[in-house]
Amino acid sequence: MWLILAFASAFFLGFYDIFKKISLNENAVIPTLFFSTVMASVIMLVLVVVSDMGYLTPDQLMYVPPVSGGDHLRIILKTVIVLSSWIFTFFAMKNLPLTILAPIRSTGPLWTMLGAFVIFSERLNFFQLAGVLVIFVFFYLFSTAGKLEGISFRSNKFIWFLIAGTLLGTCSALYDRYLLRQTDVMAVQAYFTFYQTLLLVPVLLLLWYPGRAKTTTFQWRWSIPFIGIFLLIGDYLYFYSISLPDSLISVISLVRRSNVLIVFLFGAIFYQEKNIRKKGIYLAGILLGLLLLILGR
């Protein structure tokens, strides 16, 4: 059951990334992120209100239960981690080709697994060690493809933004395993959505608004609300799969990251990005490494 939910999450998150790219192309990053979270907050606010009024009951799927002060603090910590990851990733997505972005993002499960090994003092078996080595080799080869497009993996700040966003996403995934075993899935999603909107208000007003005339102009686009909507669906399926007792975070992270295939194909077909064949081979190599990781479970 949890594996099916993870694949469904990957499908929605693939289109979530596509809507992000459409929205961010020659557009201001911070207000785009803010208005996409506002849309998600409106949807979750409706669910919180109808749950509080009794129209949704605890035995129903979308019911949002009340949570303790400790739960709120834990959710706020998750929000800070995720929001930091998103800001880095949104800037990277705006300035990098999708066929560069997708393979780097696909390495997320590797860092999640390594983090799990460090935290739980586990050791790599043969398949897992082979998977790690394969991923690192193809990640290096992928940096050579970036150079063909004038993108240096060492000096391009948006590559480092993307790496930072991916590593922070790993921290979030590891934290989710702890958080979702003791706090209701819908409560986490609802209050996480509210807190990210609240935290973005000072970022919008203090960082973006005063200097907006010197940066990229914000344009409202039809795709912006769909960022929040598809993320809500994808995250709900992901949170629910992790909350199941027999679920494996390393496997879920791998399956969830398969959304890069949708993103890569979109960049190749609709944006007609360069060096597709070479990038496709390197992406396949990274996915092979991820497959070795899952075989090592």
Foldseek 3Di string as FASTA:
>chain_A
DLLVLLLVLLQLVLVLLVLLLVQLALADQLVLVLVLLVLLLVVLVVQQVCLVVPVDDPVDDQRADDDDPVLLVLLLVLLVLLLLLSSLLSVLSNPDFLLLLLLLLLCLLVLLVVVCCVVVVNDFDPLLVVLVVLLVVLVVVSQVVCVVVVDHCVPDVSNVSSNSSSNSVSVSLNSLLVSLQPHPLSNSLNSSSVSNSVVSVCVCVPPCVVCVVVDRYHDDDPSSNSSNVSNSSSSSSLSVSSNDPPHDSSVSSNSSSVSSVSSLVCSCPVVVDPPSVSSVVSSVSNNVSSVSNVVRD
